């Protein structure tokens, strides 16, 4: 029960603390690391609830010296748990929670990814019929009066440009837009945005998951802006964003665009040129990322670790360790056992 409470408390702490991450300034200086933190936060919160259900289902037995003894101890622990008046309801509740949450999240993931892939495929087929391929740019040009640029998932998929965008963008700006869109494809940002949308679709009433979905999409744009700024002048990237900013970027995960409602804030960020995170800050947040993933597993295994410690501290185990320690000493020095036969 202690491990179950710790796991559920950890999940609640993560979900309650997520809004603090939306107000932090460091993600704008390291958007890729921030994307990983948001995805790990959502996965860790859901995983903690699933593991809490498993802890209720399977009690932690006292660890024995042999495999046969361990299995027998496990069986005895299960019988004691289910013989207890409240043991069976707790086990059933744990099983229901673990199975239901896992199945529901898996279903939402499959449905979200399938819908995204289907919509992208249909849109791509329509574009191939309506557009023309520009080999020089490596882009698909579509006749349209509004300036727009976006890309679809897949490194080998073409970037989509409207004729209005080609008329308004000069060469440096056009190169910046193409670098931005190809950074989306190289970074698999479509997949990351889709994965962040899964918890929000499964549990829309949880604010933390909605924040994660919005923030991952925003940070993906910042990461693409940084990639474009490494290949083109920052001013050219900012000017291209201003040109395309009046047109909302596609909301679907299969198409990430350079414009959109966040273009003004991104232009200010590009002009300000924020300094990258220091080595110490990156290390700190990388360790925090690892802790987000590992801590639920450690909380689940804590009873087993405690059982191991208690068992090793028992007099019987201490005597066994003494005998094992003394026996190799005699074997390693055969002359101590008597005259050598040879």
C-alpha atoms as a PDB file:
ATOM      1  CA  UNK A   1       0.000   0.000   0.000  1.00  0.00           C
ATOM      2  CA  UNK A   2       2.902   2.357   0.672  1.00  0.00           C
ATOM      3  CA  UNK A   3       4.265   1.867  -2.845  1.00  0.00           C
ATOM      4  CA  UNK A   4       0.785   2.371  -4.321  1.00  0.00           C
ATOM      5  CA  UNK A   5       0.309   5.615  -2.421  1.00  0.00           C
ATOM      6  CA  UNK A   6       3.790   6.795  -3.414  1.00  0.00           C
ATOM      7  CA  UNK A   7       3.131   6.107  -7.110  1.00  0.00           C
ATOM      8  CA  UNK A   8      -0.254   7.831  -7.095  1.00  0.00           C
ATOM      9  CA  UNK A   9       1.185  10.756  -5.150  1.00  0.00           C
ATOM     10  CA  UNK A  10       4.039  11.031  -7.622  1.00  0.00           C
ATOM     11  CA  UNK A  11       1.600  11.093 -10.549  1.00  0.00           C
ATOM     12  CA  UNK A  12      -0.494  13.766  -8.824  1.00  0.00           C
ATOM     13  CA  UNK A  13       2.624  15.830  -8.118  1.00  0.00           C
ATOM     14  CA  UNK A  14       3.679  15.680 -11.767  1.00  0.00           C
ATOM     15  CA  UNK A  15       0.246  16.697 -13.036  1.00  0.00           C
ATOM     16  CA  UNK A  16      -0.048  19.517 -10.493  1.00  0.00           C
ATOM     17  CA  UNK A  17       3.434  20.843 -11.249  1.00  0.00           C
ATOM     18  CA  UNK A  18       3.080  20.841 -15.041  1.00  0.00           C
ATOM     19  CA  UNK A  19       1.732  24.440 -15.199  1.00  0.00           C
ATOM     20  CA  UNK A  20       4.974  25.618 -13.589  1.00  0.00           C
ATOM     21  CA  UNK A  21       6.866  24.305 -16.608  1.00  0.00           C
ATOM     22  CA  UNK A  22       4.698  26.389 -18.943  1.00  0.00           C
ATOM     23  CA  UNK A  23       5.847  29.529 -17.138  1.00  0.00           C
ATOM     24  CA  UNK A  24       9.546  28.616 -17.189  1.00  0.00           C
ATOM     25  CA  UNK A  25      11.831  30.513 -19.568  1.00  0.00           C
ATOM     26  CA  UNK A  26      14.515  27.885 -20.096  1.00  0.00           C
ATOM     27  CA  UNK A  27      12.499  25.790 -22.634  1.00  0.00           C
ATOM     28  CA  UNK A  28      12.859  28.598 -25.178  1.00  0.00           C
ATOM     29  CA  UNK A  29      16.628  28.254 -24.856  1.00  0.00           C
ATOM     30  CA  UNK A  30      16.575  24.456 -25.249  1.00  0.00           C
ATOM     31  CA  UNK A  31      13.353  23.491 -27.051  1.00  0.00           C
ATOM     32  CA  UNK A  32      14.434  19.963 -27.939  1.00  0.00           C
ATOM     33  CA  UNK A  33      15.285  19.136 -24.333  1.00  0.00           C
ATOM     34  CA  UNK A  34      12.000  20.696 -23.216  1.00  0.00           C
ATOM     35  CA  UNK A  35      10.066  18.511 -25.676  1.00  0.00           C
ATOM     36  CA  UNK A  36      11.687  15.429 -24.141  1.00  0.00           C
ATOM     37  CA  UNK A  37      10.798  16.646 -20.624  1.00  0.00           C
ATOM     38  CA  UNK A  38       7.137  17.216 -21.549  1.00  0.00           C
ATOM     39  CA  UNK A  39       6.808  13.790 -23.171  1.00  0.00           C
ATOM     40  CA  UNK A  40       8.552  12.115 -20.224  1.00  0.00           C
ATOM     41  CA  UNK A  41       6.285  13.941 -17.765  1.00  0.00           C
ATOM     42  CA  UNK A  42       3.115  12.742 -19.479  1.00  0.00           C
ATOM     43  CA  UNK A  43       4.408   9.177 -19.895  1.00  0.00           C
ATOM     44  CA  UNK A  44       5.664   9.025 -16.305  1.00  0.00           C
ATOM     45  CA  UNK A  45       2.345  10.231 -14.872  1.00  0.00           C
ATOM     46  CA  UNK A  46       0.367   7.625 -16.825  1.00  0.00           C
ATOM     47  CA  UNK A  47       2.930   4.913 -16.097  1.00  0.00           C
ATOM     48  CA  UNK A  48       2.807   5.659 -12.371  1.00  0.00           C
ATOM     49  CA  UNK A  49      -0.951   5.053 -12.291  1.00  0.00           C
ATOM     50  CA  UNK A  50      -0.547   1.771 -14.190  1.00  0.00           C
ATOM     51  CA  UNK A  51       2.259   0.616 -11.890  1.00  0.00           C
ATOM     52  CA  UNK A  52       0.185   1.546  -8.827  1.00  0.00           C
ATOM     53  CA  UNK A  53      -2.500  -0.837 -10.059  1.00  0.00           C
ATOM     54  CA  UNK A  54       0.060  -3.582 -10.573  1.00  0.00           C
ATOM     55  CA  UNK A  55       1.400  -3.101  -7.050  1.00  0.00           C
ATOM     56  CA  UNK A  56      -2.106  -3.669  -5.679  1.00  0.00           C
ATOM     57  CA  UNK A  57      -2.436  -6.763  -7.827  1.00  0.00           C
ATOM     58  CA  UNK A  58       0.898  -8.412  -6.953  1.00  0.00           C
ATOM     59  CA  UNK A  59       2.294  -8.004  -3.398  1.00  0.00           C
ATOM     60  CA  UNK A  60       6.024  -7.797  -2.799  1.00  0.00           C
ATOM     61  CA  UNK A  61       7.187 -11.073  -1.195  1.00  0.00           C
ATOM     62  CA  UNK A  62      10.130 -11.618   1.103  1.00  0.00           C
ATOM     63  CA  UNK A  63      13.137 -12.586  -0.975  1.00  0.00           C
ATOM     64  CA  UNK A  64      14.598 -16.040  -0.334  1.00  0.00           C
ATOM     65  CA  UNK A  65      17.895 -17.626  -1.240  1.00  0.00           C
ATOM     66  CA  UNK A  66      16.749 -20.002  -3.984  1.00  0.00           C
ATOM     67  CA  UNK A  67      14.443 -19.700  -6.950  1.00  0.00           C
ATOM     68  CA  UNK A  68      12.179 -22.458  -5.639  1.00  0.00           C
ATOM     69  CA  UNK A  69      11.932 -20.749  -2.253  1.00  0.00           C
ATOM     70  CA  UNK A  70      11.226 -17.436  -3.951  1.00  0.00           C
ATOM     71  CA  UNK A  71       8.380 -18.928  -6.002  1.00  0.00           C
ATOM     72  CA  UNK A  72       6.947 -20.610  -2.931  1.00  0.00           C
ATOM     73  CA  UNK A  73       7.157 -17.347  -1.010  1.00  0.00           C
ATOM     74  CA  UNK A  74       5.399 -15.541  -3.860  1.00  0.00           C
ATOM     75  CA  UNK A  75       2.605 -18.084  -3.767  1.00  0.00           C
ATOM     76  CA  UNK A  76       2.241 -17.745  -0.011  1.00  0.00           C
ATOM     77  CA  UNK A  77       2.164 -13.946  -0.281  1.00  0.00           C
ATOM     78  CA  UNK A  78      -0.570 -14.121  -2.919  1.00  0.00           C
ATOM     79  CA  UNK A  79      -2.626 -16.517  -0.784  1.00  0.00           C
ATOM     80  CA  UNK A  80      -2.257 -14.288   2.257  1.00  0.00           C
ATOM     81  CA  UNK A  81      -3.203 -11.227   0.227  1.00  0.00           C
ATOM     82  CA  UNK A  82      -6.316 -12.765  -1.270  1.00  0.00           C
ATOM     83  CA  UNK A  83      -7.326 -14.517   1.964  1.00  0.00           C
ATOM     84  CA  UNK A  84      -7.447 -11.153   3.691  1.00  0.00           C
ATOM     85  CA  UNK A  85     -10.976  -9.661   3.652  1.00  0.00           C
ATOM     86  CA  UNK A  86      -9.823  -6.562   1.755  1.00  0.00           C
ATOM     87  CA  UNK A  87      -7.141  -8.259  -0.330  1.00  0.00           C
ATOM     88  CA  UNK A  88      -9.266  -9.491  -3.207  1.00  0.00           C
ATOM     89  CA  UNK A  89     -11.109  -6.175  -3.775  1.00  0.00           C
ATOM     90  CA  UNK A  90      -7.789  -4.337  -3.773  1.00  0.00           C
ATOM     91  CA  UNK A  91      -6.306  -6.782  -6.250  1.00  0.00           C
ATOM     92  CA  UNK A  92      -9.354  -6.518  -8.515  1.00  0.00           C
ATOM     93  CA  UNK A  93      -9.252  -2.716  -8.312  1.00  0.00           C
ATOM     94  CA  UNK A  94      -5.556  -2.713  -9.155  1.00  0.00           C
ATOM     95  CA  UNK A  95      -6.079  -5.017 -12.121  1.00  0.00           C
ATOM     96  CA  UNK A  96      -8.969  -2.925 -13.418  1.00  0.00           C
ATOM     97  CA  UNK A  97      -6.989   0.311 -13.140  1.00  0.00           C
ATOM     98  CA  UNK A  98      -3.852  -1.095 -14.757  1.00  0.00           C
ATOM     99  CA  UNK A  99      -5.664  -2.827 -17.624  1.00  0.00           C
ATOM    100  CA  UNK A 100      -8.178  -0.037 -18.238  1.00  0.00           C
ATOM    101  CA  UNK A 101      -5.624   2.785 -18.305  1.00  0.00           C
ATOM    102  CA  UNK A 102      -3.197   0.814 -20.483  1.00  0.00           C
ATOM    103  CA  UNK A 103      -5.890  -0.284 -22.933  1.00  0.00           C
ATOM    104  CA  UNK A 104      -7.461   3.174 -23.167  1.00  0.00           C
ATOM    105  CA  UNK A 105      -4.150   4.947 -23.789  1.00  0.00           C
ATOM    106  CA  UNK A 106      -3.147   2.319 -26.353  1.00  0.00           C
ATOM    107  CA  UNK A 107      -6.472   2.686 -28.136  1.00  0.00           C
ATOM    108  CA  UNK A 108      -6.182   6.489 -28.210  1.00  0.00           C
ATOM    109  CA  UNK A 109      -2.614   6.220 -29.483  1.00  0.00           C
ATOM    110  CA  UNK A 110      -3.595   3.903 -32.314  1.00  0.00           C
ATOM    111  CA  UNK A 111      -6.634   6.017 -33.193  1.00  0.00           C
ATOM    112  CA  UNK A 112      -4.682   9.293 -33.130  1.00  0.00           C
ATOM    113  CA  UNK A 113      -1.731   8.025 -35.152  1.00  0.00           C
ATOM    114  CA  UNK A 114      -3.995   6.251 -37.653  1.00  0.00           C
ATOM    115  CA  UNK A 115      -6.196   9.318 -38.135  1.00  0.00           C
ATOM    116  CA  UNK A 116      -3.135  11.512 -38.585  1.00  0.00           C
ATOM    117  CA  UNK A 117      -1.601   9.152 -41.139  1.00  0.00           C
ATOM    118  CA  UNK A 118      -4.884   8.818 -43.024  1.00  0.00           C
ATOM    119  CA  UNK A 119      -5.472  12.575 -43.171  1.00  0.00           C
ATOM    120  CA  UNK A 120      -1.908  13.192 -44.292  1.00  0.00           C
ATOM    121  CA  UNK A 121      -2.143  10.554 -47.007  1.00  0.00           C
ATOM    122  CA  UNK A 122      -5.409  11.966 -48.360  1.00  0.00           C
ATOM    123  CA  UNK A 123      -4.051  15.512 -48.335  1.00  0.00           C
ATOM    124  CA  UNK A 124      -0.855  14.420 -50.053  1.00  0.00           C
ATOM    125  CA  UNK A 125      -2.796  12.715 -52.850  1.00  0.00           C
ATOM    126  CA  UNK A 126      -4.831  15.877 -53.432  1.00  0.00           C
ATOM    127  CA  UNK A 127      -1.670  17.974 -53.503  1.00  0.00           C
ATOM    128  CA  UNK A 128      -0.051  15.707 -56.083  1.00  0.00           C
ATOM    129  CA  UNK A 129      -3.041  16.276 -58.336  1.00  0.00           C
ATOM    130  CA  UNK A 130      -3.236  20.049 -57.794  1.00  0.00           C
ATOM    131  CA  UNK A 131       0.434  21.012 -57.467  1.00  0.00           C
ATOM    132  CA  UNK A 132       3.622  20.876 -59.500  1.00  0.00           C
ATOM    133  CA  UNK A 133       7.039  19.777 -58.334  1.00  0.00           C
ATOM    134  CA  UNK A 134       9.845  22.325 -58.356  1.00  0.00           C
ATOM    135  CA  UNK A 135      13.040  20.300 -58.651  1.00  0.00           C
ATOM    136  CA  UNK A 136      15.252  23.288 -57.862  1.00  0.00           C
ATOM    137  CA  UNK A 137      13.574  23.912 -54.532  1.00  0.00           C
ATOM    138  CA  UNK A 138      12.656  20.326 -53.798  1.00  0.00           C
ATOM    139  CA  UNK A 139       9.158  21.555 -53.039  1.00  0.00           C
ATOM    140  CA  UNK A 140       5.611  21.072 -54.234  1.00  0.00           C
ATOM    141  CA  UNK A 141       4.132  24.352 -55.476  1.00  0.00           C
ATOM    142  CA  UNK A 142       0.380  24.879 -55.257  1.00  0.00           C
ATOM    143  CA  UNK A 143      -1.520  27.726 -56.888  1.00  0.00           C
ATOM    144  CA  UNK A 144      -3.038  29.807 -54.085  1.00  0.00           C
ATOM    145  CA  UNK A 145      -3.499  33.471 -53.272  1.00  0.00           C
ATOM    146  CA  UNK A 146      -2.382  33.218 -49.632  1.00  0.00           C
ATOM    147  CA  UNK A 147       1.303  32.865 -48.702  1.00  0.00           C
ATOM    148  CA  UNK A 148       1.838  29.570 -46.904  1.00  0.00           C
ATOM    149  CA  UNK A 149       4.528  26.956 -46.379  1.00  0.00           C
ATOM    150  CA  UNK A 150       4.309  23.658 -44.547  1.00  0.00           C
ATOM    151  CA  UNK A 151       5.622  20.129 -44.657  1.00  0.00           C
ATOM    152  CA  UNK A 152       4.240  16.652 -44.218  1.00  0.00           C
ATOM    153  CA  UNK A 153       5.774  13.817 -42.250  1.00  0.00           C
ATOM    154  CA  UNK A 154       8.628  11.912 -43.794  1.00  0.00           C
ATOM    155  CA  UNK A 155      12.132  13.087 -44.649  1.00  0.00           C
ATOM    156  CA  UNK A 156      11.576  12.416 -48.345  1.00  0.00           C
ATOM    157  CA  UNK A 157       8.224  14.186 -48.524  1.00  0.00           C
ATOM    158  CA  UNK A 158       8.264  17.512 -50.353  1.00  0.00           C
ATOM    159  CA  UNK A 159       7.759  20.851 -48.671  1.00  0.00           C
ATOM    160  CA  UNK A 160       4.545  22.554 -49.808  1.00  0.00           C
ATOM    161  CA  UNK A 161       4.691  26.186 -50.958  1.00  0.00           C
ATOM    162  CA  UNK A 162       1.965  28.357 -52.390  1.00  0.00           C
ATOM    163  CA  UNK A 163       2.582  30.584 -55.394  1.00  0.00           C
ATOM    164  CA  UNK A 164       1.818  33.626 -53.232  1.00  0.00           C
ATOM    165  CA  UNK A 165       4.655  32.633 -50.877  1.00  0.00           C
ATOM    166  CA  UNK A 166       7.057  32.337 -53.808  1.00  0.00           C
ATOM    167  CA  UNK A 167       6.110  35.824 -54.984  1.00  0.00           C
ATOM    168  CA  UNK A 168       6.574  37.437 -51.561  1.00  0.00           C
ATOM    169  CA  UNK A 169       9.696  35.670 -50.272  1.00  0.00           C
ATOM    170  CA  UNK A 170      13.126  36.642 -51.547  1.00  0.00           C
ATOM    171  CA  UNK A 171      15.941  34.118 -51.906  1.00  0.00           C
ATOM    172  CA  UNK A 172      17.327  34.296 -48.327  1.00  0.00           C
ATOM    173  CA  UNK A 173      13.818  34.167 -46.850  1.00  0.00           C
ATOM    174  CA  UNK A 174      12.844  31.252 -49.081  1.00  0.00           C
ATOM    175  CA  UNK A 175      15.989  29.357 -48.060  1.00  0.00           C
ATOM    176  CA  UNK A 176      15.125  29.995 -44.403  1.00  0.00           C
ATOM    177  CA  UNK A 177      11.573  28.670 -44.881  1.00  0.00           C
ATOM    178  CA  UNK A 178      12.826  25.531 -46.607  1.00  0.00           C
ATOM    179  CA  UNK A 179      15.391  24.960 -43.831  1.00  0.00           C
ATOM    180  CA  UNK A 180      12.643  25.400 -41.232  1.00  0.00           C
ATOM    181  CA  UNK A 181      10.356  22.840 -42.845  1.00  0.00           C
ATOM    182  CA  UNK A 182      13.112  20.306 -43.448  1.00  0.00           C
ATOM    183  CA  UNK A 183      14.138  20.643 -39.809  1.00  0.00           C
ATOM    184  CA  UNK A 184      10.600  19.538 -38.896  1.00  0.00           C
ATOM    185  CA  UNK A 185      11.014  16.461 -41.055  1.00  0.00           C
ATOM    186  CA  UNK A 186      14.537  15.614 -39.886  1.00  0.00           C
ATOM    187  CA  UNK A 187      13.542  16.008 -36.227  1.00  0.00           C
ATOM    188  CA  UNK A 188      10.435  13.795 -36.586  1.00  0.00           C
ATOM    189  CA  UNK A 189       8.421  16.658 -35.114  1.00  0.00           C
ATOM    190  CA  UNK A 190       5.212  15.303 -36.643  1.00  0.00           C
ATOM    191  CA  UNK A 191       5.554  12.125 -34.600  1.00  0.00           C
ATOM    192  CA  UNK A 192       6.442  14.014 -31.413  1.00  0.00           C
ATOM    193  CA  UNK A 193       3.420  16.304 -31.773  1.00  0.00           C
ATOM    194  CA  UNK A 194       1.182  13.282 -32.365  1.00  0.00           C
ATOM    195  CA  UNK A 195       2.553  11.478 -29.308  1.00  0.00           C
ATOM    196  CA  UNK A 196       1.979  14.553 -27.144  1.00  0.00           C
ATOM    197  CA  UNK A 197      -1.615  14.678 -28.372  1.00  0.00           C
ATOM    198  CA  UNK A 198      -2.348  11.106 -27.226  1.00  0.00           C
ATOM    199  CA  UNK A 199      -2.644  11.791 -23.444  1.00  0.00           C
ATOM    200  CA  UNK A 200      -4.708  14.903 -24.174  1.00  0.00           C
ATOM    201  CA  UNK A 201      -7.064  12.820 -26.300  1.00  0.00           C
ATOM    202  CA  UNK A 202      -7.243  10.036 -23.693  1.00  0.00           C
ATOM    203  CA  UNK A 203      -7.753  12.335 -20.698  1.00  0.00           C
ATOM    204  CA  UNK A 204      -8.984  15.709 -22.005  1.00  0.00           C
ATOM    205  CA  UNK A 205     -10.053  16.815 -18.511  1.00  0.00           C
ATOM    206  CA  UNK A 206      -6.437  16.760 -17.229  1.00  0.00           C
ATOM    207  CA  UNK A 207      -4.917  20.247 -17.749  1.00  0.00           C
ATOM    208  CA  UNK A 208      -1.330  18.948 -17.666  1.00  0.00           C
ATOM    209  CA  UNK A 209      -1.883  16.794 -20.745  1.00  0.00           C
ATOM    210  CA  UNK A 210      -3.472  19.696 -22.623  1.00  0.00           C
ATOM    211  CA  UNK A 211      -0.473  21.851 -21.707  1.00  0.00           C
ATOM    212  CA  UNK A 212       1.880  19.121 -22.930  1.00  0.00           C
ATOM    213  CA  UNK A 213       0.144  18.908 -26.310  1.00  0.00           C
ATOM    214  CA  UNK A 214       0.214  22.680 -26.857  1.00  0.00           C
ATOM    215  CA  UNK A 215       3.763  23.131 -25.584  1.00  0.00           C
ATOM    216  CA  UNK A 216       5.269  20.325 -27.654  1.00  0.00           C
ATOM    217  CA  UNK A 217       3.741  21.806 -30.827  1.00  0.00           C
ATOM    218  CA  UNK A 218       5.080  25.275 -29.898  1.00  0.00           C
ATOM    219  CA  UNK A 219       8.527  23.991 -28.975  1.00  0.00           C
ATOM    220  CA  UNK A 220       8.740  22.047 -32.232  1.00  0.00           C
ATOM    221  CA  UNK A 221       8.372  25.356 -34.068  1.00  0.00           C
ATOM    222  CA  UNK A 222      11.102  26.921 -31.924  1.00  0.00           C
ATOM    223  CA  UNK A 223      13.424  23.997 -32.610  1.00  0.00           C
ATOM    224  CA  UNK A 224      12.806  24.365 -36.353  1.00  0.00           C
ATOM    225  CA  UNK A 225      13.427  28.131 -36.096  1.00  0.00           C
ATOM    226  CA  UNK A 226      16.785  27.451 -34.438  1.00  0.00           C
ATOM    227  CA  UNK A 227      17.720  24.970 -37.161  1.00  0.00           C
ATOM    228  CA  UNK A 228      16.814  27.498 -39.853  1.00  0.00           C
ATOM    229  CA  UNK A 229      18.801  30.224 -38.058  1.00  0.00           C
ATOM    230  CA  UNK A 230      21.896  28.005 -38.161  1.00  0.00           C
ATOM    231  CA  UNK A 231      21.621  27.791 -41.968  1.00  0.00           C
ATOM    232  CA  UNK A 232      20.306  31.270 -42.767  1.00  0.00           C
ATOM    233  CA  UNK A 233      20.621  34.728 -41.188  1.00  0.00           C
ATOM    234  CA  UNK A 234      18.331  35.138 -38.198  1.00  0.00           C
ATOM    235  CA  UNK A 235      16.881  38.302 -39.721  1.00  0.00           C
ATOM    236  CA  UNK A 236      15.923  36.397 -42.868  1.00  0.00           C
ATOM    237  CA  UNK A 237      14.138  33.780 -40.754  1.00  0.00           C
ATOM    238  CA  UNK A 238      12.306  36.490 -38.819  1.00  0.00           C
ATOM    239  CA  UNK A 239      11.254  38.289 -42.017  1.00  0.00           C
ATOM    240  CA  UNK A 240       9.980  35.033 -43.501  1.00  0.00           C
ATOM    241  CA  UNK A 241       7.907  34.423 -40.369  1.00  0.00           C
ATOM    242  CA  UNK A 242       6.416  37.900 -40.640  1.00  0.00           C
ATOM    243  CA  UNK A 243       5.519  37.262 -44.267  1.00  0.00           C
ATOM    244  CA  UNK A 244       3.838  33.942 -43.500  1.00  0.00           C
ATOM    245  CA  UNK A 245       2.553  34.873 -40.053  1.00  0.00           C
ATOM    246  CA  UNK A 246      -0.825  36.114 -41.280  1.00  0.00           C
ATOM    247  CA  UNK A 247      -1.731  32.605 -42.418  1.00  0.00           C
ATOM    248  CA  UNK A 248      -2.450  30.103 -39.660  1.00  0.00           C
ATOM    249  CA  UNK A 249      -0.299  27.020 -39.908  1.00  0.00           C
ATOM    250  CA  UNK A 250      -2.158  23.729 -40.294  1.00  0.00           C
ATOM    251  CA  UNK A 251      -3.521  22.447 -37.014  1.00  0.00           C
ATOM    252  CA  UNK A 252      -3.085  18.802 -37.974  1.00  0.00           C
ATOM    253  CA  UNK A 253       0.060  16.987 -36.890  1.00  0.00           C
ATOM    254  CA  UNK A 254       0.694  15.774 -40.435  1.00  0.00           C
ATOM    255  CA  UNK A 255       1.470  19.325 -41.593  1.00  0.00           C
ATOM    256  CA  UNK A 256       3.721  21.687 -39.639  1.00  0.00           C
ATOM    257  CA  UNK A 257       4.019  25.186 -41.060  1.00  0.00           C
ATOM    258  CA  UNK A 258       6.391  28.099 -40.663  1.00  0.00           C
ATOM    259  CA  UNK A 259       3.587  30.593 -39.996  1.00  0.00           C
ATOM    260  CA  UNK A 260       0.845  30.520 -37.421  1.00  0.00           C
ATOM    261  CA  UNK A 261      -0.492  32.379 -34.422  1.00  0.00           C
ATOM    262  CA  UNK A 262       2.827  32.149 -32.537  1.00  0.00           C
ATOM    263  CA  UNK A 263       4.811  33.836 -35.325  1.00  0.00           C
ATOM    264  CA  UNK A 264       5.028  37.230 -33.554  1.00  0.00           C
ATOM    265  CA  UNK A 265       6.492  35.712 -30.369  1.00  0.00           C
ATOM    266  CA  UNK A 266       8.896  33.638 -32.430  1.00  0.00           C
ATOM    267  CA  UNK A 267      10.052  36.719 -34.345  1.00  0.00           C
ATOM    268  CA  UNK A 268      10.822  38.475 -31.047  1.00  0.00           C
ATOM    269  CA  UNK A 269      12.734  35.407 -29.894  1.00  0.00           C
ATOM    270  CA  UNK A 270      14.766  35.273 -33.109  1.00  0.00           C
ATOM    271  CA  UNK A 271      15.681  38.943 -32.882  1.00  0.00           C
ATOM    272  CA  UNK A 272      16.606  38.645 -29.198  1.00  0.00           C
ATOM    273  CA  UNK A 273      18.765  35.568 -29.981  1.00  0.00           C
ATOM    274  CA  UNK A 274      18.532  33.856 -26.574  1.00  0.00           C
ATOM    275  CA  UNK A 275      21.706  32.216 -25.347  1.00  0.00           C
ATOM    276  CA  UNK A 276      21.738  28.408 -25.219  1.00  0.00           C
ATOM    277  CA  UNK A 277      21.532  26.732 -21.842  1.00  0.00           C
ATOM    278  CA  UNK A 278      24.781  26.347 -19.974  1.00  0.00           C
ATOM    279  CA  UNK A 279      26.410  22.949 -19.620  1.00  0.00           C
ATOM    280  CA  UNK A 280      25.399  22.784 -15.960  1.00  0.00           C
ATOM    281  CA  UNK A 281      21.754  23.619 -16.728  1.00  0.00           C
ATOM    282  CA  UNK A 282      21.594  21.047 -19.527  1.00  0.00           C
ATOM    283  CA  UNK A 283      23.094  18.422 -17.243  1.00  0.00           C
ATOM    284  CA  UNK A 284      20.614  19.255 -14.484  1.00  0.00           C
ATOM    285  CA  UNK A 285      17.607  18.931 -16.757  1.00  0.00           C
ATOM    286  CA  UNK A 286      18.974  15.780 -18.376  1.00  0.00           C
ATOM    287  CA  UNK A 287      19.258  14.210 -14.924  1.00  0.00           C
ATOM    288  CA  UNK A 288      15.721  15.400 -14.153  1.00  0.00           C
ATOM    289  CA  UNK A 289      14.561  13.788 -17.400  1.00  0.00           C
ATOM    290  CA  UNK A 290      16.155  10.485 -16.410  1.00  0.00           C
ATOM    291  CA  UNK A 291      14.575  10.757 -12.950  1.00  0.00           C
ATOM    292  CA  UNK A 292      11.126  11.315 -14.461  1.00  0.00           C
ATOM    293  CA  UNK A 293      11.441   8.013 -16.279  1.00  0.00           C
ATOM    294  CA  UNK A 294      13.179   5.952 -13.579  1.00  0.00           C
ATOM    295  CA  UNK A 295      11.454   7.091 -10.399  1.00  0.00           C
ATOM    296  CA  UNK A 296       8.140   5.216 -10.938  1.00  0.00           C
ATOM    297  CA  UNK A 297      10.047   1.968 -11.427  1.00  0.00           C
ATOM    298  CA  UNK A 298      12.097   2.633  -8.282  1.00  0.00           C
ATOM    299  CA  UNK A 299       8.963   3.367  -6.267  1.00  0.00           C
ATOM    300  CA  UNK A 300       7.405   0.141  -7.483  1.00  0.00           C
ATOM    301  CA  UNK A 301      10.522  -1.864  -6.614  1.00  0.00           C
ATOM    302  CA  UNK A 302      11.039  -0.237  -3.207  1.00  0.00           C
ATOM    303  CA  UNK A 303       9.190  -2.983  -1.254  1.00  0.00           C
ATOM    304  CA  UNK A 304      11.307  -5.649  -2.946  1.00  0.00           C
ATOM    305  CA  UNK A 305      14.490  -3.757  -2.091  1.00  0.00           C
ATOM    306  CA  UNK A 306      13.321  -3.518   1.504  1.00  0.00           C
ATOM    307  CA  UNK A 307      12.638  -7.240   1.579  1.00  0.00           C
ATOM    308  CA  UNK A 308      16.108  -7.954   0.228  1.00  0.00           C
ATOM    309  CA  UNK A 309      17.650  -5.743   2.903  1.00  0.00           C
ATOM    310  CA  UNK A 310      15.696  -7.439   5.678  1.00  0.00           C
ATOM    311  CA  UNK A 311      16.593 -10.876   4.372  1.00  0.00           C
ATOM    312  CA  UNK A 312      20.306 -10.096   4.096  1.00  0.00           C
ATOM    313  CA  UNK A 313      20.278  -8.758   7.633  1.00  0.00           C
ATOM    314  CA  UNK A 314      18.840 -11.978   9.107  1.00  0.00           C
ATOM    315  CA  UNK A 315      21.160 -14.273  11.161  1.00  0.00           C
ATOM    316  CA  UNK A 316      20.639 -17.226   8.784  1.00  0.00           C
ATOM    317  CA  UNK A 317      21.722 -15.245   5.781  1.00  0.00           C
ATOM    318  CA  UNK A 318      24.645 -13.777   7.679  1.00  0.00           C
ATOM    319  CA  UNK A 319      25.835 -17.289   8.539  1.00  0.00           C
ATOM    320  CA  UNK A 320      25.460 -18.374   4.934  1.00  0.00           C
ATOM    321  CA  UNK A 321      27.521 -15.398   3.746  1.00  0.00           C
ATOM    322  CA  UNK A 322      30.225 -16.249   6.313  1.00  0.00           C
ATOM    323  CA  UNK A 323      30.397 -19.840   5.100  1.00  0.00           C
ATOM    324  CA  UNK A 324      30.564 -18.754   1.460  1.00  0.00           C
ATOM    325  CA  UNK A 325      33.278 -16.258   2.333  1.00  0.00           C
ATOM    326  CA  UNK A 326      35.417 -18.797   4.200  1.00  0.00           C
ATOM    327  CA  UNK A 327      35.098 -21.633   1.649  1.00  0.00           C
ATOM    328  CA  UNK A 328      36.885 -19.976  -1.288  1.00  0.00           C
ATOM    329  CA  UNK A 329      39.796 -19.054   0.995  1.00  0.00           C
ATOM    330  CA  UNK A 330      40.516 -22.711   1.688  1.00  0.00           C
ATOM    331  CA  UNK A 331      40.019 -23.766  -1.919  1.00  0.00           C
ATOM    332  CA  UNK A 332      42.208 -21.011  -3.271  1.00  0.00           C
ATOM    333  CA  UNK A 333      45.144 -22.258  -1.160  1.00  0.00           C
ATOM    334  CA  UNK A 334      45.212 -26.051  -1.663  1.00  0.00           C
ATOM    335  CA  UNK A 335      48.443 -26.531   0.320  1.00  0.00           C
ATOM    336  CA  UNK A 336      46.552 -25.486   3.446  1.00  0.00           C
ATOM    337  CA  UNK A 337      44.483 -28.662   3.089  1.00  0.00           C
ATOM    338  CA  UNK A 338      47.445 -31.011   3.435  1.00  0.00           C
ATOM    339  CA  UNK A 339      50.270 -32.503   1.375  1.00  0.00           C
ATOM    340  CA  UNK A 340      49.878 -32.051  -2.354  1.00  0.00           C
ATOM    341  CA  UNK A 341      49.395 -35.416  -4.099  1.00  0.00           C
ATOM    342  CA  UNK A 342      51.833 -34.486  -6.827  1.00  0.00           C
END
